[in-house]
C-alpha cells in the first residue's frame, strides 16, 4: 500500500471529506498532474479571525505513487481524505 500525505496529523478535525474509488483495470494515456491545495479562514462579526489547519492524503493499493502511461494496473483501490480544524486564540496559547 502506498500512503501519501497525512490527514491524521490533525486531531479532532472540524471538517472531513473523503472519497474512495475502485477499478478492476486502470490505464493512463499520459502522466497525470495533480495538485491539492487547502486553505481558509473564518471570521465572525466583531470576533477574532480563526485560521484553518488542514491536511490531506491518499492510500493506494496496486497503484504506485507515480503511474506510467500505457501500463494497465489491476484491482486498484484509492482512498483520499482531507481534514481541517479551526484554530483560535486558545489553541495558540496551548501551543506555547
PDB file of N, CA and C in Angstrom:
ATOM      1  N   UNK A   1       0.847  -1.169   0.000  1.00  0.00           N
ATOM      2  CA  UNK A   1       0.000   0.000   0.000  1.00  0.00           C
ATOM      3  C   UNK A   1       0.898   1.240   0.000  1.00  0.00           C
ATOM      4  N   UNK A   2       0.568   2.197  -0.847  1.00  0.00           N
ATOM      5  CA  UNK A   2       1.287   3.470  -0.899  1.00  0.00           C
ATOM      6  C   UNK A   2       0.454   4.494  -0.150  1.00  0.00           C
ATOM      7  N   UNK A   3       1.081   5.201   0.774  1.00  0.00           N
ATOM      8  CA  UNK A   3       0.375   6.240   1.528  1.00  0.00           C
ATOM      9  C   UNK A   3       1.094   7.557   1.296  1.00  0.00           C
ATOM     10  N   UNK A   4       0.336   8.584   0.925  1.00  0.00           N
ATOM     11  CA  UNK A   4       0.923   9.893   0.642  1.00  0.00           C
ATOM     12  C   UNK A   4       0.149  10.949   1.423  1.00  0.00           C
ATOM     13  N   UNK A   5       0.868  11.846   2.106  1.00  0.00           N
ATOM     14  CA  UNK A   5       0.211  12.875   2.908  1.00  0.00           C
ATOM     15  C   UNK A   5      -0.218  12.313   4.250  1.00  0.00           C
ATOM     16  N   UNK A   6      -0.678  13.159   5.125  1.00  0.00           N
ATOM     17  CA  UNK A   6      -1.087  12.693   6.447  1.00  0.00           C
ATOM     18  C   UNK A   6      -2.237  13.519   7.008  1.00  0.00           C
ATOM     19  N   UNK A   7      -3.484  13.204   6.634  1.00  0.00           N
ATOM     20  CA  UNK A   7      -4.613  13.914   7.213  1.00  0.00           C
ATOM     21  C   UNK A   7      -4.823  13.575   8.681  1.00  0.00           C
ATOM     22  N   UNK A   8      -4.215  12.466   9.164  1.00  0.00           N
ATOM     23  CA  UNK A   8      -4.382  12.055  10.555  1.00  0.00           C
ATOM     24  C   UNK A   8      -3.592  12.920  11.529  1.00  0.00           C
ATOM     25  N   UNK A   9      -2.717  13.793  11.019  1.00  0.00           N
ATOM     26  CA  UNK A   9      -1.932  14.645  11.918  1.00  0.00           C
ATOM     27  C   UNK A   9      -2.809  15.691  12.607  1.00  0.00           C
ATOM     28  N   UNK A  10      -4.021  15.890  12.111  1.00  0.00           N
ATOM     29  CA  UNK A  10      -4.938  16.860  12.715  1.00  0.00           C
ATOM     30  C   UNK A  10      -5.871  16.116  13.657  1.00  0.00           C
ATOM     31  N   UNK A  11      -5.694  16.359  14.949  1.00  0.00           N
ATOM     32  CA  UNK A  11      -6.530  15.703  15.959  1.00  0.00           C
ATOM     33  C   UNK A  11      -7.905  16.368  15.994  1.00  0.00           C
ATOM     34  N   UNK A  12      -8.925  15.569  16.090  1.00  0.00           N
ATOM     35  CA  UNK A  12     -10.299  16.038  16.206  1.00  0.00           C
ATOM     36  C   UNK A  12     -10.631  17.113  15.173  1.00  0.00           C
ATOM     37  N   UNK A  13     -10.630  16.766  13.878  1.00  0.00           N
ATOM     38  CA  UNK A  13     -10.930  17.768  12.851  1.00  0.00           C
ATOM     39  C   UNK A  13     -12.366  18.267  12.946  1.00  0.00           C
ATOM     40  N   UNK A  14     -12.576  19.530  12.547  1.00  0.00           N
ATOM     41  CA  UNK A  14     -13.918  20.100  12.481  1.00  0.00           C
ATOM     42  C   UNK A  14     -14.613  19.718  11.180  1.00  0.00           C
ATOM     43  N   UNK A  15     -13.819  19.398  10.151  1.00  0.00           N
ATOM     44  CA  UNK A  15     -14.354  19.051   8.849  1.00  0.00           C
ATOM     45  C   UNK A  15     -13.532  17.910   8.264  1.00  0.00           C
ATOM     46  N   UNK A  16     -14.216  17.002   7.600  1.00  0.00           N
ATOM     47  CA  UNK A  16     -13.530  15.880   6.968  1.00  0.00           C
ATOM     48  C   UNK A  16     -14.268  15.526   5.681  1.00  0.00           C
ATOM     49  N   UNK A  17     -13.514  15.363   4.599  1.00  0.00           N
ATOM     50  CA  UNK A  17     -14.077  14.965   3.316  1.00  0.00           C
ATOM     51  C   UNK A  17     -13.274  13.769   2.832  1.00  0.00           C
ATOM     52  N   UNK A  18     -13.954  12.783   2.288  1.00  0.00           N
ATOM     53  CA  UNK A  18     -13.235  11.613   1.799  1.00  0.00           C
ATOM     54  C   UNK A  18     -13.866  11.070   0.537  1.00  0.00           C
ATOM     55  N   UNK A  19     -13.079  10.291  -0.182  1.00  0.00           N
ATOM     56  CA  UNK A  19     -13.564   9.636  -1.390  1.00  0.00           C
ATOM     57  C   UNK A  19     -12.826   8.312  -1.543  1.00  0.00           C
ATOM     58  N   UNK A  20     -13.480   7.368  -2.218  1.00  0.00           N
ATOM     59  CA  UNK A  20     -12.872   6.064  -2.480  1.00  0.00           C
ATOM     60  C   UNK A  20     -13.238   5.659  -3.895  1.00  0.00           C
ATOM     61  N   UNK A  21     -12.272   5.093  -4.608  1.00  0.00           N
ATOM     62  CA  UNK A  21     -12.518   4.602  -5.961  1.00  0.00           C
ATOM     63  C   UNK A  21     -11.875   3.236  -6.107  1.00  0.00           C
ATOM     64  N   UNK A  22     -12.559   2.353  -6.824  1.00  0.00           N
ATOM     65  CA  UNK A  22     -12.032   1.020  -7.099  1.00  0.00           C
ATOM     66  C   UNK A  22     -12.169   0.768  -8.597  1.00  0.00           C
ATOM     67  N   UNK A  23     -11.158   0.138  -9.185  1.00  0.00           N
ATOM     68  CA  UNK A  23     -11.210  -0.210 -10.600  1.00  0.00           C
ATOM     69  C   UNK A  23     -10.617  -1.597 -10.808  1.00  0.00           C
ATOM     70  N   UNK A  24     -11.280  -2.402 -11.643  1.00  0.00           N
ATOM     71  CA  UNK A  24     -10.704  -3.708 -11.994  1.00  0.00           C
ATOM     72  C   UNK A  24      -9.468  -3.520 -12.862  1.00  0.00           C
ATOM     73  N   UNK A  25      -9.551  -2.544 -13.785  1.00  0.00           N
ATOM     74  CA  UNK A  25      -8.415  -2.203 -14.637  1.00  0.00           C
ATOM     75  C   UNK A  25      -8.360  -0.696 -14.807  1.00  0.00           C
ATOM     76  N   UNK A  26      -7.149  -0.164 -14.814  1.00  0.00           N
ATOM     77  CA  UNK A  26      -6.957   1.276 -14.966  1.00  0.00           C
ATOM     78  C   UNK A  26      -5.698   1.506 -15.795  1.00  0.00           C
ATOM     79  N   UNK A  27      -5.814   2.348 -16.836  1.00  0.00           N
ATOM     80  CA  UNK A  27      -4.675   2.654 -17.699  1.00  0.00           C
ATOM     81  C   UNK A  27      -4.673   4.167 -17.958  1.00  0.00           C
ATOM     82  N   UNK A  28      -3.495   4.769 -17.866  1.00  0.00           N
ATOM     83  CA  UNK A  28      -3.328   6.192 -18.108  1.00  0.00           C
ATOM     84  C   UNK A  28      -2.696   6.399 -19.483  1.00  0.00           C
ATOM     85  N   UNK A  29      -3.235   7.328 -20.275  1.00  0.00           N
ATOM     86  CA  UNK A  29      -2.661   7.658 -21.574  1.00  0.00           C
ATOM     87  C   UNK A  29      -1.469   8.594 -21.415  1.00  0.00           C
ATOM     88  N   UNK A  30      -1.474   9.384 -20.353  1.00  0.00           N
ATOM     89  CA  UNK A  30      -0.351  10.278 -20.048  1.00  0.00           C
ATOM     90  C   UNK A  30      -0.207  10.360 -18.534  1.00  0.00           C
ATOM     91  N   UNK A  31       0.939  10.872 -18.075  1.00  0.00           N
ATOM     92  CA  UNK A  31       1.151  11.023 -16.632  1.00  0.00           C
ATOM     93  C   UNK A  31       0.221  12.110 -16.094  1.00  0.00           C
ATOM     94  N   UNK A  32      -0.592  11.791 -15.096  1.00  0.00           N
ATOM     95  CA  UNK A  32      -1.475  12.816 -14.534  1.00  0.00           C
ATOM     96  C   UNK A  32      -0.684  13.836 -13.716  1.00  0.00           C
ATOM     97  N   UNK A  33      -1.147  15.067 -13.744  1.00  0.00           N
ATOM     98  CA  UNK A  33      -0.574  16.122 -12.910  1.00  0.00           C
ATOM     99  C   UNK A  33      -1.643  16.511 -11.903  1.00  0.00           C
ATOM    100  N   UNK A  34      -1.368  16.243 -10.646  1.00  0.00           N
ATOM    101  CA  UNK A  34      -2.348  16.532  -9.604  1.00  0.00           C
ATOM    102  C   UNK A  34      -1.779  17.543  -8.617  1.00  0.00           C
ATOM    103  N   UNK A  35      -2.688  18.285  -8.014  1.00  0.00           N
ATOM    104  CA  UNK A  35      -2.299  19.295  -7.026  1.00  0.00           C
ATOM    105  C   UNK A  35      -3.484  19.498  -6.096  1.00  0.00           C
ATOM    106  N   UNK A  36      -3.235  19.421  -4.813  1.00  0.00           N
ATOM    107  CA  UNK A  36      -4.268  19.666  -3.814  1.00  0.00           C
ATOM    108  C   UNK A  36      -3.824  20.845  -2.975  1.00  0.00           C
ATOM    109  N   UNK A  37      -4.699  21.819  -2.830  1.00  0.00           N
ATOM    110  CA  UNK A  37      -4.396  22.987  -2.015  1.00  0.00           C
ATOM    111  C   UNK A  37      -5.600  23.273  -1.130  1.00  0.00           C
ATOM    112  N   UNK A  38      -5.375  23.266   0.161  1.00  0.00           N
ATOM    113  CA  UNK A  38      -6.426  23.546   1.135  1.00  0.00           C
ATOM    114  C   UNK A  38      -6.015  24.757   1.952  1.00  0.00           C
ATOM    115  N   UNK A  39      -6.897  25.714   2.062  1.00  0.00           N
ATOM    116  CA  UNK A  39      -6.604  26.891   2.879  1.00  0.00           C
ATOM    117  C   UNK A  39      -7.919  27.558   3.250  1.00  0.00           C
ATOM    118  N   UNK A  40      -7.855  28.450   4.193  1.00  0.00           N
ATOM    119  CA  UNK A  40      -9.062  29.178   4.559  1.00  0.00           C
ATOM    120  C   UNK A  40      -8.920  29.874   5.890  1.00  0.00           C
ATOM    121  N   UNK A  41      -9.907  30.675   6.162  1.00  0.00           N
ATOM    122  CA  UNK A  41     -10.012  31.348   7.454  1.00  0.00           C
ATOM    123  C   UNK A  41     -11.481  31.623   7.700  1.00  0.00           C
ATOM    124  N   UNK A  42     -11.827  31.775   8.940  1.00  0.00           N
ATOM    125  CA  UNK A  42     -13.206  32.045   9.331  1.00  0.00           C
ATOM    126  C   UNK A  42     -13.231  33.346  10.113  1.00  0.00           C
ATOM    127  N   UNK A  43     -14.126  34.214   9.758  1.00  0.00           N
ATOM    128  CA  UNK A  43     -14.297  35.450  10.526  1.00  0.00           C
ATOM    129  C   UNK A  43     -15.763  35.571  10.918  1.00  0.00           C
ATOM    130  N   UNK A  44     -15.983  36.083  12.089  1.00  0.00           N
ATOM    131  CA  UNK A  44     -17.333  36.355  12.555  1.00  0.00           C
ATOM    132  C   UNK A  44     -17.382  37.814  12.959  1.00  0.00           C
ATOM    133  N   UNK A  45     -18.525  38.427  12.805  1.00  0.00           N
ATOM    134  CA  UNK A  45     -18.665  39.848  13.129  1.00  0.00           C
ATOM    135  C   UNK A  45     -18.139  40.166  14.517  1.00  0.00           C
ATOM    136  N   UNK A  46     -17.171  41.074  14.570  1.00  0.00           N
ATOM    137  CA  UNK A  46     -16.652  41.527  15.852  1.00  0.00           C
ATOM    138  C   UNK A  46     -15.755  40.538  16.568  1.00  0.00           C
ATOM    139  N   UNK A  47     -15.434  39.426  15.957  1.00  0.00           N
ATOM    140  CA  UNK A  47     -14.597  38.433  16.622  1.00  0.00           C
ATOM    141  C   UNK A  47     -13.283  38.260  15.877  1.00  0.00           C
ATOM    142  N   UNK A  48     -12.325  37.728  16.572  1.00  0.00           N
ATOM    143  CA  UNK A  48     -11.003  37.485  16.017  1.00  0.00           C
ATOM    144  C   UNK A  48     -11.074  36.474  14.869  1.00  0.00           C
ATOM    145  N   UNK A  49     -10.213  36.663  13.896  1.00  0.00           N
ATOM    146  CA  UNK A  49     -10.112  35.732  12.779  1.00  0.00           C
ATOM    147  C   UNK A  49      -9.604  34.383  13.270  1.00  0.00           C
ATOM    148  N   UNK A  50     -10.137  33.332  12.706  1.00  0.00           N
ATOM    149  CA  UNK A  50      -9.676  31.986  13.028  1.00  0.00           C
ATOM    150  C   UNK A  50      -8.969  31.416  11.806  1.00  0.00           C
ATOM    151  N   UNK A  51      -7.766  30.912  12.004  1.00  0.00           N
ATOM    152  CA  UNK A  51      -7.054  30.240  10.925  1.00  0.00           C
ATOM    153  C   UNK A  51      -7.524  28.796  10.834  1.00  0.00           C
ATOM    154  N   UNK A  52      -7.286  28.197   9.700  1.00  0.00           N
ATOM    155  CA  UNK A  52      -7.682  26.818   9.482  1.00  0.00           C
ATOM    156  C   UNK A  52      -6.428  25.971   9.256  1.00  0.00           C
ATOM    157  N   UNK A  53      -6.269  24.923  10.062  1.00  0.00           N
ATOM    158  CA  UNK A  53      -5.180  23.959   9.889  1.00  0.00           C
ATOM    159  C   UNK A  53      -5.723  22.837   9.003  1.00  0.00           C
ATOM    160  N   UNK A  54      -4.998  22.470   7.942  1.00  0.00           N
ATOM    161  CA  UNK A  54      -5.505  21.477   7.001  1.00  0.00           C
ATOM    162  C   UNK A  54      -4.507  20.356   6.770  1.00  0.00           C
ATOM    163  N   UNK A  55      -5.021  19.252   6.278  1.00  0.00           N
ATOM    164  CA  UNK A  55      -4.181  18.128   5.888  1.00  0.00           C
ATOM    165  C   UNK A  55      -4.934  17.263   4.897  1.00  0.00           C
ATOM    166  N   UNK A  56      -4.214  16.612   4.001  1.00  0.00           N
ATOM    167  CA  UNK A  56      -4.852  15.689   3.070  1.00  0.00           C
ATOM    168  C   UNK A  56      -3.877  14.573   2.725  1.00  0.00           C
ATOM    169  N   UNK A  57      -4.426  13.466   2.285  1.00  0.00           N
ATOM    170  CA  UNK A  57      -3.570  12.356   1.913  1.00  0.00           C
ATOM    171  C   UNK A  57      -4.353  11.250   1.250  1.00  0.00           C
ATOM    172  N   UNK A  58      -3.631  10.321   0.668  1.00  0.00           N
ATOM    173  CA  UNK A  58      -4.275   9.207  -0.016  1.00  0.00           C
ATOM    174  C   UNK A  58      -3.597   7.898   0.347  1.00  0.00           C
ATOM    175  N   UNK A  59      -4.354   6.833   0.217  1.00  0.00           N
ATOM    176  CA  UNK A  59      -3.839   5.471   0.355  1.00  0.00           C
ATOM    177  C   UNK A  59      -4.200   4.746  -0.926  1.00  0.00           C
ATOM    178  N   UNK A  60      -3.243   4.015  -1.494  1.00  0.00           N
ATOM    179  CA  UNK A  60      -3.452   3.330  -2.763  1.00  0.00           C
ATOM    180  C   UNK A  60      -3.058   1.872  -2.645  1.00  0.00           C
ATOM    181  N   UNK A  61      -3.842   1.023  -3.279  1.00  0.00           N
ATOM    182  CA  UNK A  61      -3.492  -0.391  -3.392  1.00  0.00           C
ATOM    183  C   UNK A  61      -3.370  -0.719  -4.870  1.00  0.00           C
ATOM    184  N   UNK A  62      -2.273  -1.356  -5.236  1.00  0.00           N
ATOM    185  CA  UNK A  62      -1.993  -1.767  -6.613  1.00  0.00           C
ATOM    186  C   UNK A  62      -1.883  -0.597  -7.583  1.00  0.00           C
ATOM    187  N   UNK A  63      -1.509   0.557  -7.070  1.00  0.00           N
ATOM    188  CA  UNK A  63      -1.287   1.735  -7.892  1.00  0.00           C
ATOM    189  C   UNK A  63      -0.128   2.514  -7.282  1.00  0.00           C
ATOM    190  N   UNK A  64       0.998   2.619  -7.999  1.00  0.00           N
ATOM    191  CA  UNK A  64       2.144   3.319  -7.424  1.00  0.00           C
ATOM    192  C   UNK A  64       1.899   4.822  -7.320  1.00  0.00           C
ATOM    193  N   UNK A  65       2.724   5.495  -6.537  1.00  0.00           N
ATOM    194  CA  UNK A  65       2.601   6.947  -6.382  1.00  0.00           C
ATOM    195  C   UNK A  65       2.762   7.653  -7.727  1.00  0.00           C
ATOM    196  N   UNK A  66       3.707   7.180  -8.533  1.00  0.00           N
ATOM    197  CA  UNK A  66       3.886   7.740  -9.879  1.00  0.00           C
ATOM    198  C   UNK A  66       3.525   6.659 -10.891  1.00  0.00           C
ATOM    199  N   UNK A  67       2.421   6.870 -11.606  1.00  0.00           N
ATOM    200  CA  UNK A  67       1.969   5.884 -12.585  1.00  0.00           C
ATOM    201  C   UNK A  67       2.689   6.098 -13.912  1.00  0.00           C
ATOM    202  N   UNK A  68       2.723   5.040 -14.715  1.00  0.00           N
ATOM    203  CA  UNK A  68       3.374   5.086 -16.024  1.00  0.00           C
ATOM    204  C   UNK A  68       2.321   5.010 -17.117  1.00  0.00           C
ATOM    205  N   UNK A  69       2.419   5.865 -18.129  1.00  0.00           N
ATOM    206  CA  UNK A  69       1.480   5.807 -19.259  1.00  0.00           C
ATOM    207  C   UNK A  69       1.566   4.456 -19.970  1.00  0.00           C
ATOM    208  N   UNK A  70       0.406   3.944 -20.379  1.00  0.00           N
ATOM    209  CA  UNK A  70       0.357   2.700 -21.141  1.00  0.00           C
ATOM    210  C   UNK A  70       0.375   1.439 -20.308  1.00  0.00           C
ATOM    211  N   UNK A  71       0.630   1.542 -19.025  1.00  0.00           N
ATOM    212  CA  UNK A  71       0.651   0.369 -18.138  1.00  0.00           C
ATOM    213  C   UNK A  71      -0.769   0.129 -17.621  1.00  0.00           C
ATOM    214  N   UNK A  72      -1.198  -1.118 -17.635  1.00  0.00           N
ATOM    215  CA  UNK A  72      -2.518  -1.460 -17.089  1.00  0.00           C
ATOM    216  C   UNK A  72      -2.340  -1.904 -15.641  1.00  0.00           C
ATOM    217  N   UNK A  73      -2.997  -1.196 -14.736  1.00  0.00           N
ATOM    218  CA  UNK A  73      -2.988  -1.539 -13.310  1.00  0.00           C
ATOM    219  C   UNK A  73      -4.286  -2.275 -13.004  1.00  0.00           C
ATOM    220  N   UNK A  74      -4.198  -3.343 -12.238  1.00  0.00           N
ATOM    221  CA  UNK A  74      -5.377  -4.177 -11.969  1.00  0.00           C
ATOM    222  C   UNK A  74      -5.733  -4.170 -10.485  1.00  0.00           C
ATOM    223  N   UNK A  75      -7.039  -4.312 -10.246  1.00  0.00           N
ATOM    224  CA  UNK A  75      -7.590  -4.371  -8.883  1.00  0.00           C
ATOM    225  C   UNK A  75      -7.084  -3.185  -8.049  1.00  0.00           C
ATOM    226  N   UNK A  76      -7.334  -1.997  -8.556  1.00  0.00           N
ATOM    227  CA  UNK A  76      -6.854  -0.749  -7.956  1.00  0.00           C
ATOM    228  C   UNK A  76      -7.865  -0.232  -6.944  1.00  0.00           C
ATOM    229  N   UNK A  77      -7.371   0.237  -5.820  1.00  0.00           N
ATOM    230  CA  UNK A  77      -8.216   0.853  -4.794  1.00  0.00           C
ATOM    231  C   UNK A  77      -7.508   2.118  -4.317  1.00  0.00           C
ATOM    232  N   UNK A  78      -8.201   3.239  -4.354  1.00  0.00           N
ATOM    233  CA  UNK A  78      -7.637   4.518  -3.911  1.00  0.00           C
ATOM    234  C   UNK A  78      -8.597   5.157  -2.924  1.00  0.00           C
ATOM    235  N   UNK A  79      -8.054   5.577  -1.787  1.00  0.00           N
ATOM    236  CA  UNK A  79      -8.826   6.314  -0.779  1.00  0.00           C
ATOM    237  C   UNK A  79      -8.146   7.653  -0.546  1.00  0.00           C
ATOM    238  N   UNK A  80      -8.921   8.722  -0.546  1.00  0.00           N
ATOM    239  CA  UNK A  80      -8.391  10.074  -0.335  1.00  0.00           C
ATOM    240  C   UNK A  80      -9.194  10.731   0.788  1.00  0.00           C
ATOM    241  N   UNK A  81      -8.515  11.531   1.604  1.00  0.00           N
ATOM    242  CA  UNK A  81      -9.171  12.172   2.745  1.00  0.00           C
ATOM    243  C   UNK A  81      -8.534  13.528   2.986  1.00  0.00           C
ATOM    244  N   UNK A  82      -9.364  14.517   3.268  1.00  0.00           N
ATOM    245  CA  UNK A  82      -8.896  15.849   3.650  1.00  0.00           C
ATOM    246  C   UNK A  82      -9.557  16.211   4.970  1.00  0.00           C
ATOM    247  N   UNK A  83      -8.792  16.867   5.848  1.00  0.00           N
ATOM    248  CA  UNK A  83      -9.314  17.280   7.145  1.00  0.00           C
ATOM    249  C   UNK A  83      -8.967  18.740   7.396  1.00  0.00           C
ATOM    250  N   UNK A  84      -9.761  19.374   8.244  1.00  0.00           N
ATOM    251  CA  UNK A  84      -9.491  20.763   8.628  1.00  0.00           C
ATOM    252  C   UNK A  84      -9.959  20.974  10.062  1.00  0.00           C
ATOM    253  N   UNK A  85      -9.257  21.860  10.733  1.00  0.00           N
ATOM    254  CA  UNK A  85      -9.601  22.203  12.119  1.00  0.00           C
ATOM    255  C   UNK A  85      -9.413  23.699  12.295  1.00  0.00           C
ATOM    256  N   UNK A  86     -10.390  24.341  12.888  1.00  0.00           N
ATOM    257  CA  UNK A  86     -10.287  25.769  13.177  1.00  0.00           C
ATOM    258  C   UNK A  86      -9.331  25.988  14.335  1.00  0.00           C
ATOM    259  N   UNK A  87      -8.462  26.973  14.185  1.00  0.00           N
ATOM    260  CA  UNK A  87      -7.550  27.346  15.278  1.00  0.00           C
ATOM    261  C   UNK A  87      -7.961  28.729  15.749  1.00  0.00           C
ATOM    262  N   UNK A  88      -8.149  28.860  17.050  1.00  0.00           N
ATOM    263  CA  UNK A  88      -8.489  30.169  17.593  1.00  0.00           C
ATOM    264  C   UNK A  88      -7.433  30.587  18.614  1.00  0.00           C
ATOM    265  N   UNK A  89      -7.662  31.669  19.296  1.00  0.00           N
ATOM    266  CA  UNK A  89      -6.677  32.212  20.238  1.00  0.00           C
ATOM    267  C   UNK A  89      -6.318  31.201  21.325  1.00  0.00           C
ATOM    268  N   UNK A  90      -7.280  30.413  21.807  1.00  0.00           N
ATOM    269  CA  UNK A  90      -6.980  29.446  22.864  1.00  0.00           C
ATOM    270  C   UNK A  90      -6.037  28.356  22.351  1.00  0.00           C
ATOM    271  N   UNK A  91      -6.141  27.964  21.082  1.00  0.00           N
ATOM    272  CA  UNK A  91      -5.214  26.981  20.511  1.00  0.00           C
ATOM    273  C   UNK A  91      -3.795  27.518  20.523  1.00  0.00           C
ATOM    274  N   UNK A  92      -3.611  28.775  20.174  1.00  0.00           N
ATOM    275  CA  UNK A  92      -2.282  29.375  20.147  1.00  0.00           C
ATOM    276  C   UNK A  92      -1.653  29.400  21.545  1.00  0.00           C
ATOM    277  N   UNK A  93      -2.463  29.711  22.564  1.00  0.00           N
ATOM    278  CA  UNK A  93      -1.945  29.743  23.937  1.00  0.00           C
ATOM    279  C   UNK A  93      -1.535  28.344  24.392  1.00  0.00           C
ATOM    280  N   UNK A  94      -2.286  27.296  23.973  1.00  0.00           N
ATOM    281  CA  UNK A  94      -1.988  25.922  24.377  1.00  0.00           C
ATOM    282  C   UNK A  94      -0.654  25.462  23.806  1.00  0.00           C
ATOM    283  N   UNK A  95      -0.238  25.954  22.651  1.00  0.00           N
ATOM    284  CA  UNK A  95       0.993  25.527  21.999  1.00  0.00           C
ATOM    285  C   UNK A  95       2.225  26.123  22.647  1.00  0.00           C
ATOM    286  N   UNK A  96       2.084  27.192  23.378  1.00  0.00           N
ATOM    287  CA  UNK A  96       3.247  27.855  23.991  1.00  0.00           C
ATOM    288  C   UNK A  96       3.682  27.167  25.247  1.00  0.00           C
TER     289      UNK A  96
END
